[in-house]
Amino acid sequence: MTHLPANDETFLDDVLRVTRWRIRLVNVGSAALILLAAAVVLLLAVVVADHVTPGGLSAGVRQ
């Protein structure tokens, strides 16, 4: 590996730090969207079950 001048090393360290932060932000954002999608799917499943079940779901399930 070749030796980089101090300015180049500092620049690369800064770029890597920013890149790590962006990756972390993308990971957190994607996890939040996955949780939101799971909540929507669960809500949709309850609504479908309410419509399919004769007489609808019981009051205890709806709460």
PDB file of N, CA and C in Angstrom:
ATOM      1  N   MET A   1       0.849  -1.182   0.000  1.00  0.00           N
ATOM      2  CA  MET A   1       0.000   0.000   0.000  1.00  0.00           C
ATOM      3  C   MET A   1       0.892   1.243   0.000  1.00  0.00           C
ATOM      4  N   THR A   2       0.536   2.187  -0.815  1.00  0.00           N
ATOM      5  CA  THR A   2       1.336   3.402  -0.898  1.00  0.00           C
ATOM      6  C   THR A   2       0.968   4.339   0.235  1.00  0.00           C
ATOM      7  N   HIS A   3       1.918   5.126   0.635  1.00  0.00           N
ATOM      8  CA  HIS A   3       1.691   6.096   1.702  1.00  0.00           C
ATOM      9  C   HIS A   3       0.995   7.320   1.117  1.00  0.00           C
ATOM     10  N   LEU A   4      -0.099   7.740   1.756  1.00  0.00           N
ATOM     11  CA  LEU A   4      -0.821   8.921   1.297  1.00  0.00           C
ATOM     12  C   LEU A   4      -0.390  10.136   2.101  1.00  0.00           C
ATOM     13  N   PRO A   5      -0.325  11.292   1.484  1.00  0.00           N
ATOM     14  CA  PRO A   5      -0.045  12.505   2.239  1.00  0.00           C
ATOM     15  C   PRO A   5      -1.143  12.756   3.271  1.00  0.00           C
ATOM     16  N   ALA A   6      -0.825  13.519   4.277  1.00  0.00           N
ATOM     17  CA  ALA A   6      -1.752  13.765   5.386  1.00  0.00           C
ATOM     18  C   ALA A   6      -3.078  14.340   4.899  1.00  0.00           C
ATOM     19  N   ASN A   7      -3.042  15.234   3.935  1.00  0.00           N
ATOM     20  CA  ASN A   7      -4.279  15.831   3.444  1.00  0.00           C
ATOM     21  C   ASN A   7      -5.171  14.797   2.780  1.00  0.00           C
ATOM     22  N   ASP A   8      -4.565  13.893   2.026  1.00  0.00           N
ATOM     23  CA  ASP A   8      -5.336  12.848   1.365  1.00  0.00           C
ATOM     24  C   ASP A   8      -5.935  11.890   2.385  1.00  0.00           C
ATOM     25  N   GLU A   9      -5.160  11.568   3.426  1.00  0.00           N
ATOM     26  CA  GLU A   9      -5.672  10.683   4.463  1.00  0.00           C
ATOM     27  C   GLU A   9      -6.840  11.331   5.199  1.00  0.00           C
ATOM     28  N   THR A  10      -6.717  12.598   5.499  1.00  0.00           N
ATOM     29  CA  THR A  10      -7.799  13.320   6.171  1.00  0.00           C
ATOM     30  C   THR A  10      -9.029  13.370   5.281  1.00  0.00           C
ATOM     31  N   PHE A  11      -8.818  13.631   4.018  1.00  0.00           N
ATOM     32  CA  PHE A  11      -9.943  13.671   3.078  1.00  0.00           C
ATOM     33  C   PHE A  11     -10.639  12.317   3.021  1.00  0.00           C
ATOM     34  N   LEU A  12      -9.869  11.242   2.914  1.00  0.00           N
ATOM     35  CA  LEU A  12     -10.452   9.903   2.845  1.00  0.00           C
ATOM     36  C   LEU A  12     -11.180   9.556   4.146  1.00  0.00           C
ATOM     37  N   ASP A  13     -10.612   9.946   5.279  1.00  0.00           N
ATOM     38  CA  ASP A  13     -11.278   9.702   6.559  1.00  0.00           C
ATOM     39  C   ASP A  13     -12.618  10.428   6.618  1.00  0.00           C
ATOM     40  N   ASP A  14     -12.645  11.663   6.149  1.00  0.00           N
ATOM     41  CA  ASP A  14     -13.890  12.435   6.142  1.00  0.00           C
ATOM     42  C   ASP A  14     -14.921  11.811   5.215  1.00  0.00           C
ATOM     43  N   VAL A  15     -14.484  11.391   4.047  1.00  0.00           N
ATOM     44  CA  VAL A  15     -15.405  10.773   3.087  1.00  0.00           C
ATOM     45  C   VAL A  15     -15.944   9.462   3.646  1.00  0.00           C
ATOM     46  N   LEU A  16     -15.097   8.663   4.255  1.00  0.00           N
ATOM     47  CA  LEU A  16     -15.548   7.402   4.850  1.00  0.00           C
ATOM     48  C   LEU A  16     -16.518   7.646   6.007  1.00  0.00           C
ATOM     49  N   ARG A  17     -16.251   8.664   6.820  1.00  0.00           N
ATOM     50  CA  ARG A  17     -17.150   8.980   7.931  1.00  0.00           C
ATOM     51  C   ARG A  17     -18.527   9.378   7.413  1.00  0.00           C
ATOM     52  N   VAL A  18     -18.571  10.222   6.407  1.00  0.00           N
ATOM     53  CA  VAL A  18     -19.842  10.649   5.830  1.00  0.00           C
ATOM     54  C   VAL A  18     -20.565   9.470   5.189  1.00  0.00           C
ATOM     55  N   THR A  19     -19.824   8.614   4.525  1.00  0.00           N
ATOM     56  CA  THR A  19     -20.424   7.438   3.887  1.00  0.00           C
ATOM     57  C   THR A  19     -21.000   6.492   4.925  1.00  0.00           C
ATOM     58  N   ARG A  20     -20.275   6.273   6.017  1.00  0.00           N
ATOM     59  CA  ARG A  20     -20.804   5.418   7.091  1.00  0.00           C
ATOM     60  C   ARG A  20     -22.089   6.005   7.663  1.00  0.00           C
ATOM     61  N   TRP A  21     -22.130   7.328   7.847  1.00  0.00           N
ATOM     62  CA  TRP A  21     -23.319   7.990   8.377  1.00  0.00           C
ATOM     63  C   TRP A  21     -24.493   7.815   7.415  1.00  0.00           C
ATOM     64  N   ARG A  22     -24.242   7.953   6.140  1.00  0.00           N
ATOM     65  CA  ARG A  22     -25.312   7.793   5.147  1.00  0.00           C
ATOM     66  C   ARG A  22     -25.824   6.356   5.110  1.00  0.00           C
ATOM     67  N   ILE A  23     -24.923   5.405   5.194  1.00  0.00           N
ATOM     68  CA  ILE A  23     -25.337   4.000   5.216  1.00  0.00           C
ATOM     69  C   ILE A  23     -26.179   3.726   6.452  1.00  0.00           C
ATOM     70  N   ARG A  24     -25.761   4.247   7.593  1.00  0.00           N
ATOM     71  CA  ARG A  24     -26.523   4.070   8.826  1.00  0.00           C
ATOM     72  C   ARG A  24     -27.915   4.700   8.688  1.00  0.00           C
ATOM     73  N   LEU A  25     -27.979   5.872   8.081  1.00  0.00           N
ATOM     74  CA  LEU A  25     -29.257   6.543   7.877  1.00  0.00           C
ATOM     75  C   LEU A  25     -30.165   5.727   6.961  1.00  0.00           C
ATOM     76  N   VAL A  26     -29.620   5.160   5.911  1.00  0.00           N
ATOM     77  CA  VAL A  26     -30.399   4.318   5.004  1.00  0.00           C
ATOM     78  C   VAL A  26     -30.890   3.066   5.731  1.00  0.00           C
ATOM     79  N   ASN A  27     -30.044   2.472   6.564  1.00  0.00           N
ATOM     80  CA  ASN A  27     -30.444   1.289   7.314  1.00  0.00           C
ATOM     81  C   ASN A  27     -31.590   1.597   8.276  1.00  0.00           C
ATOM     82  N   VAL A  28     -31.505   2.700   8.978  1.00  0.00           N
ATOM     83  CA  VAL A  28     -32.569   3.089   9.910  1.00  0.00           C
ATOM     84  C   VAL A  28     -33.846   3.405   9.141  1.00  0.00           C
ATOM     85  N   GLY A  29     -33.726   4.110   8.037  1.00  0.00           N
ATOM     86  CA  GLY A  29     -34.900   4.439   7.229  1.00  0.00           C
ATOM     87  C   GLY A  29     -35.568   3.209   6.657  1.00  0.00           C
ATOM     88  N   SER A  30     -34.788   2.266   6.184  1.00  0.00           N
ATOM     89  CA  SER A  30     -35.385   1.049   5.626  1.00  0.00           C
ATOM     90  C   SER A  30     -36.032   0.215   6.723  1.00  0.00           C
ATOM     91  N   ALA A  31     -35.449   0.175   7.910  1.00  0.00           N
ATOM     92  CA  ALA A  31     -36.059  -0.551   9.025  1.00  0.00           C
ATOM     93  C   ALA A  31     -37.393   0.093   9.413  1.00  0.00           C
ATOM     94  N   ALA A  32     -37.442   1.410   9.423  1.00  0.00           N
ATOM     95  CA  ALA A  32     -38.695   2.100   9.746  1.00  0.00           C
ATOM     96  C   ALA A  32     -39.766   1.818   8.693  1.00  0.00           C
ATOM     97  N   LEU A  33     -39.379   1.797   7.439  1.00  0.00           N
ATOM     98  CA  LEU A  33     -40.344   1.503   6.382  1.00  0.00           C
ATOM     99  C   LEU A  33     -40.824   0.056   6.443  1.00  0.00           C
ATOM    100  N   ILE A  34     -39.951  -0.860   6.820  1.00  0.00           N
ATOM    101  CA  ILE A  34     -40.360  -2.261   6.977  1.00  0.00           C
ATOM    102  C   ILE A  34     -41.372  -2.382   8.117  1.00  0.00           C
ATOM    103  N   LEU A  35     -41.128  -1.710   9.223  1.00  0.00           N
ATOM    104  CA  LEU A  35     -42.088  -1.732  10.331  1.00  0.00           C
ATOM    105  C   LEU A  35     -43.425  -1.123   9.918  1.00  0.00           C
ATOM    106  N   LEU A  36     -43.389  -0.034   9.182  1.00  0.00           N
ATOM    107  CA  LEU A  36     -44.616   0.595   8.706  1.00  0.00           C
ATOM    108  C   LEU A  36     -45.368  -0.340   7.770  1.00  0.00           C
ATOM    109  N   ALA A  37     -44.665  -0.993   6.873  1.00  0.00           N
ATOM    110  CA  ALA A  37     -45.304  -1.931   5.953  1.00  0.00           C
ATOM    111  C   ALA A  37     -45.915  -3.104   6.705  1.00  0.00           C
ATOM    112  N   ALA A  38     -45.231  -3.607   7.731  1.00  0.00           N
ATOM    113  CA  ALA A  38     -45.762  -4.712   8.532  1.00  0.00           C
ATOM    114  C   ALA A  38     -47.032  -4.293   9.257  1.00  0.00           C
ATOM    115  N   ALA A  39     -47.060  -3.077   9.767  1.00  0.00           N
ATOM    116  CA  ALA A  39     -48.257  -2.575  10.450  1.00  0.00           C
ATOM    117  C   ALA A  39     -49.425  -2.453   9.480  1.00  0.00           C
ATOM    118  N   VAL A  40     -49.162  -1.989   8.279  1.00  0.00           N
ATOM    119  CA  VAL A  40     -50.219  -1.863   7.269  1.00  0.00           C
ATOM    120  C   VAL A  40     -50.745  -3.239   6.874  1.00  0.00           C
ATOM    121  N   VAL A  41     -49.852  -4.210   6.708  1.00  0.00           N
ATOM    122  CA  VAL A  41     -50.275  -5.573   6.359  1.00  0.00           C
ATOM    123  C   VAL A  41     -51.113  -6.169   7.483  1.00  0.00           C
ATOM    124  N   LEU A  42     -50.706  -5.959   8.725  1.00  0.00           N
ATOM    125  CA  LEU A  42     -51.484  -6.460   9.863  1.00  0.00           C
ATOM    126  C   LEU A  42     -52.873  -5.821   9.900  1.00  0.00           C
ATOM    127  N   LEU A  43     -52.938  -4.526   9.706  1.00  0.00           N
ATOM    128  CA  LEU A  43     -54.226  -3.834   9.684  1.00  0.00           C
ATOM    129  C   LEU A  43     -55.094  -4.343   8.542  1.00  0.00           C
ATOM    130  N   LEU A  44     -54.519  -4.537   7.377  1.00  0.00           N
ATOM    131  CA  LEU A  44     -55.260  -5.059   6.238  1.00  0.00           C
ATOM    132  C   LEU A  44     -55.781  -6.468   6.524  1.00  0.00           C
ATOM    133  N   ALA A  45     -54.965  -7.288   7.177  1.00  0.00           N
ATOM    134  CA  ALA A  45     -55.389  -8.647   7.516  1.00  0.00           C
ATOM    135  C   ALA A  45     -56.568  -8.627   8.482  1.00  0.00           C
ATOM    136  N   VAL A  46     -56.559  -7.733   9.444  1.00  0.00           N
ATOM    137  CA  VAL A  46     -57.676  -7.625  10.391  1.00  0.00           C
ATOM    138  C   VAL A  46     -58.934  -7.144   9.677  1.00  0.00           C
ATOM    139  N   VAL A  47     -58.806  -6.190   8.792  1.00  0.00           N
ATOM    140  CA  VAL A  47     -59.967  -5.689   8.053  1.00  0.00           C
ATOM    141  C   VAL A  47     -60.547  -6.787   7.161  1.00  0.00           C
ATOM    142  N   VAL A  48     -59.699  -7.524   6.473  1.00  0.00           N
ATOM    143  CA  VAL A  48     -60.170  -8.615   5.619  1.00  0.00           C
ATOM    144  C   VAL A  48     -60.844  -9.692   6.466  1.00  0.00           C
ATOM    145  N   ALA A  49     -60.234 -10.039   7.589  1.00  0.00           N
ATOM    146  CA  ALA A  49     -60.835 -11.044   8.480  1.00  0.00           C
ATOM    147  C   ALA A  49     -62.183 -10.560   9.004  1.00  0.00           C
ATOM    148  N   ASP A  50     -62.315  -9.278   9.283  1.00  0.00           N
ATOM    149  CA  ASP A  50     -63.575  -8.713   9.764  1.00  0.00           C
ATOM    150  C   ASP A  50     -64.652  -8.825   8.693  1.00  0.00           C
ATOM    151  N   HIS A  51     -64.285  -8.611   7.450  1.00  0.00           N
ATOM    152  CA  HIS A  51     -65.261  -8.679   6.360  1.00  0.00           C
ATOM    153  C   HIS A  51     -65.610 -10.114   5.991  1.00  0.00           C
ATOM    154  N   VAL A  52     -64.672 -11.025   6.105  1.00  0.00           N
ATOM    155  CA  VAL A  52     -64.886 -12.408   5.696  1.00  0.00           C
ATOM    156  C   VAL A  52     -65.675 -13.179   6.763  1.00  0.00           C
ATOM    157  N   THR A  53     -65.407 -12.912   8.020  1.00  0.00           N
ATOM    158  CA  THR A  53     -66.050 -13.635   9.115  1.00  0.00           C
ATOM    159  C   THR A  53     -67.527 -13.252   9.190  1.00  0.00           C
ATOM    160  N   PRO A  54     -68.417 -14.247   9.220  1.00  0.00           N
ATOM    161  CA  PRO A  54     -69.850 -13.935   9.358  1.00  0.00           C
ATOM    162  C   PRO A  54     -70.108 -13.218  10.680  1.00  0.00           C
ATOM    163  N   GLY A  55     -70.756 -12.091  10.618  1.00  0.00           N
ATOM    164  CA  GLY A  55     -71.029 -11.295  11.810  1.00  0.00           C
ATOM    165  C   GLY A  55     -69.864 -10.429  12.233  1.00  0.00           C
ATOM    166  N   GLY A  56     -68.765 -10.516  11.544  1.00  0.00           N
ATOM    167  CA  GLY A  56     -67.588  -9.696  11.866  1.00  0.00           C
ATOM    168  C   GLY A  56     -66.815 -10.257  13.046  1.00  0.00           C
ATOM    169  N   LEU A  57     -65.742  -9.606  13.361  1.00  0.00           N
ATOM    170  CA  LEU A  57     -64.921 -10.023  14.500  1.00  0.00           C
ATOM    171  C   LEU A  57     -65.561  -9.564  15.793  1.00  0.00           C
ATOM    172  N   SER A  58     -65.224 -10.241  16.889  1.00  0.00           N
ATOM    173  CA  SER A  58     -65.791  -9.873  18.176  1.00  0.00           C
ATOM    174  C   SER A  58     -65.259  -8.520  18.626  1.00  0.00           C
ATOM    175  N   ALA A  59     -65.923  -7.907  19.585  1.00  0.00           N
ATOM    176  CA  ALA A  59     -65.521  -6.597  20.081  1.00  0.00           C
ATOM    177  C   ALA A  59     -64.135  -6.662  20.730  1.00  0.00           C
ATOM    178  N   GLY A  60     -63.801  -7.795  21.346  1.00  0.00           N
ATOM    179  CA  GLY A  60     -62.482  -7.930  21.977  1.00  0.00           C
ATOM    180  C   GLY A  60     -61.348  -7.898  20.952  1.00  0.00           C
ATOM    181  N   VAL A  61     -61.564  -8.464  19.793  1.00  0.00           N
ATOM    182  CA  VAL A  61     -60.551  -8.458  18.745  1.00  0.00           C
ATOM    183  C   VAL A  61     -60.420  -7.057  18.145  1.00  0.00           C
ATOM    184  N   ARG A  62     -61.508  -6.358  18.033  1.00  0.00           N
ATOM    185  CA  ARG A  62     -61.495  -5.029  17.414  1.00  0.00           C
ATOM    186  C   ARG A  62     -60.764  -3.998  18.252  1.00  0.00           C
ATOM    187  N   GLN A  63     -60.735  -4.209  19.547  1.00  0.00           N
ATOM    188  CA  GLN A  63     -60.069  -3.249  20.422  1.00  0.00           C
ATOM    189  C   GLN A  63     -58.612  -3.528  20.365  1.00  0.00           C
TER     190      GLN A  63
END
